[in-house]
Amino acid sequence: LGEPPPAGVPLDPVVSLFLRREQREQQRERESSLAQRLRRFLRRKFFIFRRSALMTLIALRNLALGRPSPERLAQEVTFANWRGEEEAWPETSGGAQRGPEL
């Protein structure tokens, strides 16, 4: 962790992919403008606040009405954890794409 691997030891392909991705991300962050950094900061804080509010509402509802089915609870937690990276939700039985209902 944090130290380069010994010379002559081949890296695991998954580890090397992860390290390259991290290096690209750090390079991108260093080269980004102030506006881009501010946007990334605000986006991160928005999703933290969104998740906190949704999880609080789910917990209060569960206290008042009782725990829902595990499938519904899993859907709600998945929705609360969503960060907007993926545009489409998995297809439902009707063929239309939509997010989980709350």
PDB file of N, CA and C in Angstrom:
ATOM      1  N   LEU A   1       0.838  -1.180   0.000  1.00  0.00           N
ATOM      2  CA  LEU A   1       0.000   0.000   0.000  1.00  0.00           C
ATOM      3  C   LEU A   1       0.878   1.236   0.000  1.00  0.00           C
ATOM      4  N   GLY A   2       0.789   1.995  -1.063  1.00  0.00           N
ATOM      5  CA  GLY A   2       1.526   3.234  -1.135  1.00  0.00           C
ATOM      6  C   GLY A   2       2.966   3.082  -1.595  1.00  0.00           C
ATOM      7  N   GLU A   3       3.491   1.876  -1.601  1.00  0.00           N
ATOM      8  CA  GLU A   3       4.866   1.646  -2.036  1.00  0.00           C
ATOM      9  C   GLU A   3       4.841   0.924  -3.379  1.00  0.00           C
ATOM     10  N   PRO A   4       5.811   1.232  -4.231  1.00  0.00           N
ATOM     11  CA  PRO A   4       5.845   0.507  -5.508  1.00  0.00           C
ATOM     12  C   PRO A   4       6.198  -0.956  -5.273  1.00  0.00           C
ATOM     13  N   PRO A   5       5.713  -1.830  -6.138  1.00  0.00           N
ATOM     14  CA  PRO A   5       6.019  -3.257  -5.974  1.00  0.00           C
ATOM     15  C   PRO A   5       7.504  -3.511  -6.221  1.00  0.00           C
ATOM     16  N   PRO A   6       8.046  -4.589  -5.667  1.00  0.00           N
ATOM     17  CA  PRO A   6       9.454  -4.919  -5.899  1.00  0.00           C
ATOM     18  C   PRO A   6       9.722  -5.135  -7.387  1.00  0.00           C
ATOM     19  N   ALA A   7      10.937  -4.835  -7.801  1.00  0.00           N
ATOM     20  CA  ALA A   7      11.298  -4.973  -9.214  1.00  0.00           C
ATOM     21  C   ALA A   7      11.242  -6.437  -9.632  1.00  0.00           C
ATOM     22  N   GLY A   8      10.741  -6.687 -10.811  1.00  0.00           N
ATOM     23  CA  GLY A   8      10.697  -8.038 -11.348  1.00  0.00           C
ATOM     24  C   GLY A   8       9.458  -8.830 -10.969  1.00  0.00           C
ATOM     25  N   VAL A   9       8.610  -8.297 -10.104  1.00  0.00           N
ATOM     26  CA  VAL A   9       7.386  -8.998  -9.703  1.00  0.00           C
ATOM     27  C   VAL A   9       6.252  -8.495 -10.593  1.00  0.00           C
ATOM     28  N   PRO A  10       5.623  -9.393 -11.372  1.00  0.00           N
ATOM     29  CA  PRO A  10       4.535  -8.939 -12.244  1.00  0.00           C
ATOM     30  C   PRO A  10       3.293  -8.578 -11.423  1.00  0.00           C
ATOM     31  N   LEU A  11       2.632  -7.511 -11.846  1.00  0.00           N
ATOM     32  CA  LEU A  11       1.411  -7.087 -11.174  1.00  0.00           C
ATOM     33  C   LEU A  11       0.227  -7.912 -11.660  1.00  0.00           C
ATOM     34  N   ASP A  12      -0.703  -8.082 -10.789  1.00  0.00           N
ATOM     35  CA  ASP A  12      -1.961  -8.708 -11.168  1.00  0.00           C
ATOM     36  C   ASP A  12      -2.655  -7.777 -12.169  1.00  0.00           C
ATOM     37  N   PRO A  13      -3.285  -8.290 -13.221  1.00  0.00           N
ATOM     38  CA  PRO A  13      -3.931  -7.418 -14.221  1.00  0.00           C
ATOM     39  C   PRO A  13      -4.990  -6.492 -13.620  1.00  0.00           C
ATOM     40  N   VAL A  14      -5.727  -6.982 -12.648  1.00  0.00           N
ATOM     41  CA  VAL A  14      -6.762  -6.153 -12.027  1.00  0.00           C
ATOM     42  C   VAL A  14      -6.116  -5.011 -11.246  1.00  0.00           C
ATOM     43  N   VAL A  15      -5.030  -5.303 -10.539  1.00  0.00           N
ATOM     44  CA  VAL A  15      -4.332  -4.285  -9.765  1.00  0.00           C
ATOM     45  C   VAL A  15      -3.737  -3.238 -10.696  1.00  0.00           C
ATOM     46  N   SER A  16      -3.123  -3.668 -11.792  1.00  0.00           N
ATOM     47  CA  SER A  16      -2.533  -2.708 -12.724  1.00  0.00           C
ATOM     48  C   SER A  16      -3.605  -1.828 -13.366  1.00  0.00           C
ATOM     49  N   LEU A  17      -4.765  -2.397 -13.688  1.00  0.00           N
ATOM     50  CA  LEU A  17      -5.868  -1.617 -14.234  1.00  0.00           C
ATOM     51  C   LEU A  17      -6.339  -0.580 -13.220  1.00  0.00           C
ATOM     52  N   PHE A  18      -6.474  -1.002 -11.965  1.00  0.00           N
ATOM     53  CA  PHE A  18      -6.889  -0.084 -10.899  1.00  0.00           C
ATOM     54  C   PHE A  18      -5.874   1.046 -10.729  1.00  0.00           C
ATOM     55  N   LEU A  19      -4.581   0.717 -10.726  1.00  0.00           N
ATOM     56  CA  LEU A  19      -3.551   1.735 -10.557  1.00  0.00           C
ATOM     57  C   LEU A  19      -3.551   2.738 -11.715  1.00  0.00           C
ATOM     58  N   ARG A  20      -3.724   2.247 -12.949  1.00  0.00           N
ATOM     59  CA  ARG A  20      -3.789   3.156 -14.094  1.00  0.00           C
ATOM     60  C   ARG A  20      -4.999   4.075 -14.003  1.00  0.00           C
ATOM     61  N   ARG A  21      -6.132   3.520 -13.594  1.00  0.00           N
ATOM     62  CA  ARG A  21      -7.340   4.325 -13.458  1.00  0.00           C
ATOM     63  C   ARG A  21      -7.149   5.404 -12.399  1.00  0.00           C
ATOM     64  N   GLU A  22      -6.556   5.033 -11.262  1.00  0.00           N
ATOM     65  CA  GLU A  22      -6.295   6.005 -10.202  1.00  0.00           C
ATOM     66  C   GLU A  22      -5.342   7.102 -10.670  1.00  0.00           C
ATOM     67  N   GLN A  23      -4.311   6.740 -11.415  1.00  0.00           N
ATOM     68  CA  GLN A  23      -3.363   7.732 -11.922  1.00  0.00           C
ATOM     69  C   GLN A  23      -4.039   8.698 -12.890  1.00  0.00           C
ATOM     70  N   ARG A  24      -4.900   8.164 -13.767  1.00  0.00           N
ATOM     71  CA  ARG A  24      -5.639   9.039 -14.693  1.00  0.00           C
ATOM     72  C   ARG A  24      -6.543   9.987 -13.934  1.00  0.00           C
ATOM     73  N   GLU A  25      -7.222   9.478 -12.910  1.00  0.00           N
ATOM     74  CA  GLU A  25      -8.123  10.306 -12.107  1.00  0.00           C
ATOM     75  C   GLU A  25      -7.359  11.410 -11.390  1.00  0.00           C
ATOM     76  N   GLN A  26      -6.213  11.082 -10.802  1.00  0.00           N
ATOM     77  CA  GLN A  26      -5.411  12.092 -10.115  1.00  0.00           C
ATOM     78  C   GLN A  26      -4.892  13.130 -11.102  1.00  0.00           C
ATOM     79  N   GLN A  27      -4.467  12.696 -12.276  1.00  0.00           N
ATOM     80  CA  GLN A  27      -3.981  13.619 -13.301  1.00  0.00           C
ATOM     81  C   GLN A  27      -5.097  14.552 -13.742  1.00  0.00           C
ATOM     82  N   ARG A  28      -6.291  13.999 -13.942  1.00  0.00           N
ATOM     83  CA  ARG A  28      -7.435  14.810 -14.362  1.00  0.00           C
ATOM     84  C   ARG A  28      -7.793  15.840 -13.298  1.00  0.00           C
ATOM     85  N   GLU A  29      -7.749  15.433 -12.028  1.00  0.00           N
ATOM     86  CA  GLU A  29      -8.070  16.372 -10.952  1.00  0.00           C
ATOM     87  C   GLU A  29      -7.037  17.485 -10.845  1.00  0.00           C
ATOM     88  N   ARG A  30      -5.757  17.153 -11.050  1.00  0.00           N
ATOM     89  CA  ARG A  30      -4.705  18.173 -10.988  1.00  0.00           C
ATOM     90  C   ARG A  30      -4.828  19.185 -12.115  1.00  0.00           C
ATOM     91  N   GLU A  31      -5.253  18.735 -13.284  1.00  0.00           N
ATOM     92  CA  GLU A  31      -5.328  19.607 -14.447  1.00  0.00           C
ATOM     93  C   GLU A  31      -6.671  20.314 -14.590  1.00  0.00           C
ATOM     94  N   SER A  32      -7.629  20.025 -13.724  1.00  0.00           N
ATOM     95  CA  SER A  32      -8.957  20.624 -13.867  1.00  0.00           C
ATOM     96  C   SER A  32      -8.954  22.068 -13.377  1.00  0.00           C
ATOM     97  N   SER A  33      -9.875  22.842 -13.921  1.00  0.00           N
ATOM     98  CA  SER A  33      -9.988  24.248 -13.556  1.00  0.00           C
ATOM     99  C   SER A  33     -10.731  24.386 -12.222  1.00  0.00           C
ATOM    100  N   LEU A  34     -10.731  25.592 -11.707  1.00  0.00           N
ATOM    101  CA  LEU A  34     -11.421  25.857 -10.454  1.00  0.00           C
ATOM    102  C   LEU A  34     -12.917  25.576 -10.591  1.00  0.00           C
ATOM    103  N   ALA A  35     -13.499  25.951 -11.721  1.00  0.00           N
ATOM    104  CA  ALA A  35     -14.933  25.710 -11.942  1.00  0.00           C
ATOM    105  C   ALA A  35     -15.244  24.219 -11.961  1.00  0.00           C
ATOM    106  N   GLN A  36     -14.376  23.426 -12.591  1.00  0.00           N
ATOM    107  CA  GLN A  36     -14.599  21.980 -12.635  1.00  0.00           C
ATOM    108  C   GLN A  36     -14.471  21.372 -11.246  1.00  0.00           C
ATOM    109  N   ARG A  37     -13.490  21.834 -10.480  1.00  0.00           N
ATOM    110  CA  ARG A  37     -13.339  21.320  -9.106  1.00  0.00           C
ATOM    111  C   ARG A  37     -14.530  21.683  -8.241  1.00  0.00           C
ATOM    112  N   LEU A  38     -15.019  22.930  -8.387  1.00  0.00           N
ATOM    113  CA  LEU A  38     -16.189  23.364  -7.618  1.00  0.00           C
ATOM    114  C   LEU A  38     -17.412  22.537  -7.999  1.00  0.00           C
ATOM    115  N   ARG A  39     -17.597  22.300  -9.304  1.00  0.00           N
ATOM    116  CA  ARG A  39     -18.733  21.486  -9.766  1.00  0.00           C
ATOM    117  C   ARG A  39     -18.660  20.066  -9.196  1.00  0.00           C
ATOM    118  N   ARG A  40     -17.459  19.458  -9.243  1.00  0.00           N
ATOM    119  CA  ARG A  40     -17.285  18.105  -8.718  1.00  0.00           C
ATOM    120  C   ARG A  40     -17.559  18.071  -7.217  1.00  0.00           C
ATOM    121  N   PHE A  41     -17.092  19.089  -6.481  1.00  0.00           N
ATOM    122  CA  PHE A  41     -17.326  19.173  -5.038  1.00  0.00           C
ATOM    123  C   PHE A  41     -18.821  19.280  -4.736  1.00  0.00           C
ATOM    124  N   LEU A  42     -19.505  20.196  -5.443  1.00  0.00           N
ATOM    125  CA  LEU A  42     -20.937  20.384  -5.194  1.00  0.00           C
ATOM    126  C   LEU A  42     -21.746  19.145  -5.566  1.00  0.00           C
ATOM    127  N   ARG A  43     -21.365  18.488  -6.658  1.00  0.00           N
ATOM    128  CA  ARG A  43     -22.052  17.253  -7.054  1.00  0.00           C
ATOM    129  C   ARG A  43     -21.891  16.178  -5.996  1.00  0.00           C
ATOM    130  N   ARG A  44     -20.674  16.024  -5.478  1.00  0.00           N
ATOM    131  CA  ARG A  44     -20.413  15.031  -4.439  1.00  0.00           C
ATOM    132  C   ARG A  44     -21.245  15.330  -3.187  1.00  0.00           C
ATOM    133  N   LYS A  45     -21.276  16.603  -2.775  1.00  0.00           N
ATOM    134  CA  LYS A  45     -22.034  16.983  -1.579  1.00  0.00           C
ATOM    135  C   LYS A  45     -23.535  16.814  -1.796  1.00  0.00           C
ATOM    136  N   PHE A  46     -24.009  17.122  -3.014  1.00  0.00           N
ATOM    137  CA  PHE A  46     -25.426  16.941  -3.306  1.00  0.00           C
ATOM    138  C   PHE A  46     -25.842  15.488  -3.120  1.00  0.00           C
ATOM    139  N   PHE A  47     -25.048  14.545  -3.662  1.00  0.00           N
ATOM    140  CA  PHE A  47     -25.421  13.144  -3.565  1.00  0.00           C
ATOM    141  C   PHE A  47     -25.278  12.609  -2.138  1.00  0.00           C
ATOM    142  N   ILE A  48     -24.345  13.158  -1.364  1.00  0.00           N
ATOM    143  CA  ILE A  48     -24.254  12.774   0.048  1.00  0.00           C
ATOM    144  C   ILE A  48     -25.504  13.237   0.779  1.00  0.00           C
ATOM    145  N   PHE A  49     -25.918  14.500   0.548  1.00  0.00           N
ATOM    146  CA  PHE A  49     -27.115  15.030   1.194  1.00  0.00           C
ATOM    147  C   PHE A  49     -28.354  14.272   0.751  1.00  0.00           C
ATOM    148  N   ARG A  50     -28.463  13.970  -0.545  1.00  0.00           N
ATOM    149  CA  ARG A  50     -29.606  13.231  -1.079  1.00  0.00           C
ATOM    150  C   ARG A  50     -29.726  11.860  -0.423  1.00  0.00           C
ATOM    151  N   ARG A  51     -28.593  11.150  -0.342  1.00  0.00           N
ATOM    152  CA  ARG A  51     -28.612   9.816   0.263  1.00  0.00           C
ATOM    153  C   ARG A  51     -29.005   9.895   1.737  1.00  0.00           C
ATOM    154  N   SER A  52     -28.463  10.870   2.456  1.00  0.00           N
ATOM    155  CA  SER A  52     -28.786  11.028   3.879  1.00  0.00           C
ATOM    156  C   SER A  52     -30.272  11.297   4.077  1.00  0.00           C
ATOM    157  N   ALA A  53     -30.824  12.198   3.272  1.00  0.00           N
ATOM    158  CA  ALA A  53     -32.243  12.521   3.397  1.00  0.00           C
ATOM    159  C   ALA A  53     -33.113  11.316   3.061  1.00  0.00           C
ATOM    160  N   LEU A  54     -32.805  10.609   1.982  1.00  0.00           N
ATOM    161  CA  LEU A  54     -33.612   9.448   1.605  1.00  0.00           C
ATOM    162  C   LEU A  54     -33.532   8.333   2.646  1.00  0.00           C
ATOM    163  N   MET A  55     -32.332   8.059   3.145  1.00  0.00           N
ATOM    164  CA  MET A  55     -32.192   6.998   4.145  1.00  0.00           C
ATOM    165  C   MET A  55     -32.911   7.377   5.439  1.00  0.00           C
ATOM    166  N   THR A  56     -32.889   8.658   5.807  1.00  0.00           N
ATOM    167  CA  THR A  56     -33.617   9.115   7.002  1.00  0.00           C
ATOM    168  C   THR A  56     -35.110   8.931   6.809  1.00  0.00           C
ATOM    169  N   LEU A  57     -35.613   9.311   5.630  1.00  0.00           N
ATOM    170  CA  LEU A  57     -37.044   9.139   5.359  1.00  0.00           C
ATOM    171  C   LEU A  57     -37.442   7.662   5.356  1.00  0.00           C
ATOM    172  N   ILE A  58     -36.618   6.823   4.794  1.00  0.00           N
ATOM    173  CA  ILE A  58     -36.900   5.383   4.781  1.00  0.00           C
ATOM    174  C   ILE A  58     -36.940   4.854   6.209  1.00  0.00           C
ATOM    175  N   ALA A  59     -35.971   5.272   7.031  1.00  0.00           N
ATOM    176  CA  ALA A  59     -35.933   4.803   8.417  1.00  0.00           C
ATOM    177  C   ALA A  59     -37.145   5.282   9.209  1.00  0.00           C
ATOM    178  N   LEU A  60     -37.534   6.545   9.036  1.00  0.00           N
ATOM    179  CA  LEU A  60     -38.709   7.062   9.746  1.00  0.00           C
ATOM    180  C   LEU A  60     -39.983   6.353   9.295  1.00  0.00           C
ATOM    181  N   ARG A  61     -40.105   6.108   8.008  1.00  0.00           N
ATOM    182  CA  ARG A  61     -41.266   5.382   7.515  1.00  0.00           C
ATOM    183  C   ARG A  61     -41.314   3.964   8.083  1.00  0.00           C
ATOM    184  N   ASN A  62     -40.141   3.316   8.155  1.00  0.00           N
ATOM    185  CA  ASN A  62     -40.091   1.969   8.705  1.00  0.00           C
ATOM    186  C   ASN A  62     -40.460   1.957  10.183  1.00  0.00           C
ATOM    187  N   LEU A  63     -40.071   2.997  10.919  1.00  0.00           N
ATOM    188  CA  LEU A  63     -40.467   3.076  12.332  1.00  0.00           C
ATOM    189  C   LEU A  63     -41.969   3.262  12.474  1.00  0.00           C
ATOM    190  N   ALA A  64     -42.549   4.080  11.620  1.00  0.00           N
ATOM    191  CA  ALA A  64     -43.974   4.378  11.726  1.00  0.00           C
ATOM    192  C   ALA A  64     -44.855   3.253  11.182  1.00  0.00           C
ATOM    193  N   LEU A  65     -44.461   2.665  10.071  1.00  0.00           N
ATOM    194  CA  LEU A  65     -45.336   1.707   9.390  1.00  0.00           C
ATOM    195  C   LEU A  65     -44.855   0.264   9.442  1.00  0.00           C
ATOM    196  N   GLY A  66     -43.668   0.038   9.944  1.00  0.00           N
ATOM    197  CA  GLY A  66     -43.117  -1.311   9.938  1.00  0.00           C
ATOM    198  C   GLY A  66     -42.229  -1.528   8.736  1.00  0.00           C
ATOM    199  N   ARG A  67     -41.443  -2.577   8.803  1.00  0.00           N
ATOM    200  CA  ARG A  67     -40.473  -2.857   7.743  1.00  0.00           C
ATOM    201  C   ARG A  67     -41.173  -3.429   6.511  1.00  0.00           C
ATOM    202  N   PRO A  68     -40.818  -2.920   5.318  1.00  0.00           N
ATOM    203  CA  PRO A  68     -41.397  -3.472   4.088  1.00  0.00           C
ATOM    204  C   PRO A  68     -40.696  -4.785   3.720  1.00  0.00           C
ATOM    205  N   SER A  69     -41.100  -5.367   2.627  1.00  0.00           N
ATOM    206  CA  SER A  69     -40.478  -6.613   2.174  1.00  0.00           C
ATOM    207  C   SER A  69     -38.995  -6.362   1.866  1.00  0.00           C
ATOM    208  N   PRO A  70     -38.159  -7.385   1.999  1.00  0.00           N
ATOM    209  CA  PRO A  70     -36.727  -7.205   1.701  1.00  0.00           C
ATOM    210  C   PRO A  70     -36.465  -6.735   0.276  1.00  0.00           C
ATOM    211  N   GLU A  71     -37.298  -7.164  -0.688  1.00  0.00           N
ATOM    212  CA  GLU A  71     -37.100  -6.733  -2.068  1.00  0.00           C
ATOM    213  C   GLU A  71     -37.339  -5.234  -2.209  1.00  0.00           C
ATOM    214  N   ARG A  72     -38.401  -4.766  -1.602  1.00  0.00           N
ATOM    215  CA  ARG A  72     -38.728  -3.321  -1.667  1.00  0.00           C
ATOM    216  C   ARG A  72     -37.662  -2.505  -0.944  1.00  0.00           C
ATOM    217  N   LEU A  73     -37.219  -2.986   0.199  1.00  0.00           N
ATOM    218  CA  LEU A  73     -36.180  -2.278   0.941  1.00  0.00           C
ATOM    219  C   LEU A  73     -34.886  -2.224   0.133  1.00  0.00           C
ATOM    220  N   ALA A  74     -34.550  -3.310  -0.544  1.00  0.00           N
ATOM    221  CA  ALA A  74     -33.349  -3.333  -1.385  1.00  0.00           C
ATOM    222  C   ALA A  74     -33.483  -2.330  -2.533  1.00  0.00           C
ATOM    223  N   GLN A  75     -34.664  -2.221  -3.126  1.00  0.00           N
ATOM    224  CA  GLN A  75     -34.897  -1.245  -4.187  1.00  0.00           C
ATOM    225  C   GLN A  75     -34.710   0.177  -3.676  1.00  0.00           C
ATOM    226  N   GLU A  76     -35.256   0.446  -2.498  1.00  0.00           N
ATOM    227  CA  GLU A  76     -35.166   1.788  -1.937  1.00  0.00           C
ATOM    228  C   GLU A  76     -33.730   2.162  -1.601  1.00  0.00           C
ATOM    229  N   VAL A  77     -32.973   1.223  -1.061  1.00  0.00           N
ATOM    230  CA  VAL A  77     -31.575   1.492  -0.727  1.00  0.00           C
ATOM    231  C   VAL A  77     -30.762   1.679  -2.015  1.00  0.00           C
ATOM    232  N   THR A  78     -31.053   0.891  -3.036  1.00  0.00           N
ATOM    233  CA  THR A  78     -30.379   1.057  -4.325  1.00  0.00           C
ATOM    234  C   THR A  78     -30.662   2.439  -4.893  1.00  0.00           C
ATOM    235  N   PHE A  79     -31.900   2.884  -4.804  1.00  0.00           N
ATOM    236  CA  PHE A  79     -32.265   4.209  -5.282  1.00  0.00           C
ATOM    237  C   PHE A  79     -31.550   5.292  -4.478  1.00  0.00           C
ATOM    238  N   ALA A  80     -31.458   5.126  -3.162  1.00  0.00           N
ATOM    239  CA  ALA A  80     -30.783   6.111  -2.323  1.00  0.00           C
ATOM    240  C   ALA A  80     -29.290   6.177  -2.625  1.00  0.00           C
ATOM    241  N   ASN A  81     -28.684   5.052  -3.011  1.00  0.00           N
ATOM    242  CA  ASN A  81     -27.251   5.009  -3.299  1.00  0.00           C
ATOM    243  C   ASN A  81     -26.911   5.475  -4.709  1.00  0.00           C
ATOM    244  N   TRP A  82     -27.904   5.667  -5.562  1.00  0.00           N
ATOM    245  CA  TRP A  82     -27.669   6.055  -6.948  1.00  0.00           C
ATOM    246  C   TRP A  82     -26.981   7.409  -7.014  1.00  0.00           C
ATOM    247  N   ARG A  83     -25.941   7.518  -7.839  1.00  0.00           N
ATOM    248  CA  ARG A  83     -25.173   8.755  -7.939  1.00  0.00           C
ATOM    249  C   ARG A  83     -25.242   9.391  -9.311  1.00  0.00           C
ATOM    250  N   GLY A  84     -26.047   8.866 -10.195  1.00  0.00           N
ATOM    251  CA  GLY A  84     -26.238   9.501 -11.485  1.00  0.00           C
ATOM    252  C   GLY A  84     -25.241   9.097 -12.553  1.00  0.00           C
ATOM    253  N   GLU A  85     -24.320   8.168 -12.273  1.00  0.00           N
ATOM    254  CA  GLU A  85     -23.341   7.782 -13.288  1.00  0.00           C
ATOM    255  C   GLU A  85     -23.998   7.042 -14.434  1.00  0.00           C
ATOM    256  N   GLU A  86     -24.833   6.081 -14.125  1.00  0.00           N
ATOM    257  CA  GLU A  86     -25.497   5.321 -15.174  1.00  0.00           C
ATOM    258  C   GLU A  86     -26.805   6.023 -15.521  1.00  0.00           C
ATOM    259  N   GLU A  87     -27.058   6.144 -16.801  1.00  0.00           N
ATOM    260  CA  GLU A  87     -28.223   6.887 -17.256  1.00  0.00           C
ATOM    261  C   GLU A  87     -29.505   6.068 -17.184  1.00  0.00           C
ATOM    262  N   ALA A  88     -29.415   4.793 -17.504  1.00  0.00           N
ATOM    263  CA  ALA A  88     -30.622   3.979 -17.606  1.00  0.00           C
ATOM    264  C   ALA A  88     -30.711   3.004 -16.444  1.00  0.00           C
ATOM    265  N   TRP A  89     -31.926   2.755 -16.028  1.00  0.00           N
ATOM    266  CA  TRP A  89     -32.187   1.741 -15.003  1.00  0.00           C
ATOM    267  C   TRP A  89     -32.418   0.422 -15.706  1.00  0.00           C
ATOM    268  N   PRO A  90     -32.278  -0.702 -15.006  1.00  0.00           N
ATOM    269  CA  PRO A  90     -32.555  -2.008 -15.617  1.00  0.00           C
ATOM    270  C   PRO A  90     -33.990  -2.064 -16.121  1.00  0.00           C
ATOM    271  N   GLU A  91     -34.182  -2.809 -17.188  1.00  0.00           N
ATOM    272  CA  GLU A  91     -35.517  -2.903 -17.768  1.00  0.00           C
ATOM    273  C   GLU A  91     -36.469  -3.629 -16.839  1.00  0.00           C
ATOM    274  N   THR A  92     -37.688  -3.125 -16.801  1.00  0.00           N
ATOM    275  CA  THR A  92     -38.734  -3.766 -16.010  1.00  0.00           C
ATOM    276  C   THR A  92     -39.543  -4.670 -16.918  1.00  0.00           C
ATOM    277  N   SER A  93     -40.534  -5.353 -16.369  1.00  0.00           N
ATOM    278  CA  SER A  93     -41.307  -6.319 -17.142  1.00  0.00           C
ATOM    279  C   SER A  93     -42.069  -5.669 -18.294  1.00  0.00           C
ATOM    280  N   GLY A  94     -42.406  -4.380 -18.184  1.00  0.00           N
ATOM    281  CA  GLY A  94     -43.150  -3.700 -19.236  1.00  0.00           C
ATOM    282  C   GLY A  94     -42.273  -3.241 -20.372  1.00  0.00           C
ATOM    283  N   GLY A  95     -40.955  -3.394 -20.279  1.00  0.00           N
ATOM    284  CA  GLY A  95     -40.061  -2.972 -21.336  1.00  0.00           C
ATOM    285  C   GLY A  95     -39.586  -1.543 -21.183  1.00  0.00           C
ATOM    286  N   ALA A  96     -40.272  -0.755 -20.374  1.00  0.00           N
ATOM    287  CA  ALA A  96     -39.873   0.626 -20.168  1.00  0.00           C
ATOM    288  C   ALA A  96     -38.770   0.688 -19.108  1.00  0.00           C
ATOM    289  N   GLN A  97     -37.892   1.668 -19.226  1.00  0.00           N
ATOM    290  CA  GLN A  97     -36.837   1.803 -18.234  1.00  0.00           C
ATOM    291  C   GLN A  97     -37.241   2.884 -17.246  1.00  0.00           C
ATOM    292  N   ARG A  98     -37.124   2.576 -15.965  1.00  0.00           N
ATOM    293  CA  ARG A  98     -37.471   3.537 -14.925  1.00  0.00           C
ATOM    294  C   ARG A  98     -36.754   3.168 -13.641  1.00  0.00           C
ATOM    295  N   GLY A  99     -36.697   4.091 -12.737  1.00  0.00           N
ATOM    296  CA  GLY A  99     -36.039   3.851 -11.460  1.00  0.00           C
ATOM    297  C   GLY A  99     -36.986   3.202 -10.477  1.00  0.00           C
ATOM    298  N   PRO A 100     -36.449   2.749  -9.326  1.00  0.00           N
ATOM    299  CA  PRO A 100     -37.308   2.144  -8.320  1.00  0.00           C
ATOM    300  C   PRO A 100     -38.268   3.167  -7.733  1.00  0.00           C
ATOM    301  N   GLU A 101     -39.436   2.712  -7.375  1.00  0.00           N
ATOM    302  CA  GLU A 101     -40.448   3.600  -6.804  1.00  0.00           C
ATOM    303  C   GLU A 101     -40.247   3.710  -5.305  1.00  0.00           C
ATOM    304  N   LEU A 102     -40.516   4.885  -4.783  1.00  0.00           N
ATOM    305  CA  LEU A 102     -40.445   5.077  -3.323  1.00  0.00           C
ATOM    306  C   LEU A 102     -41.811   5.200  -2.726  1.00  0.00           C
TER     307      LEU A 102
END
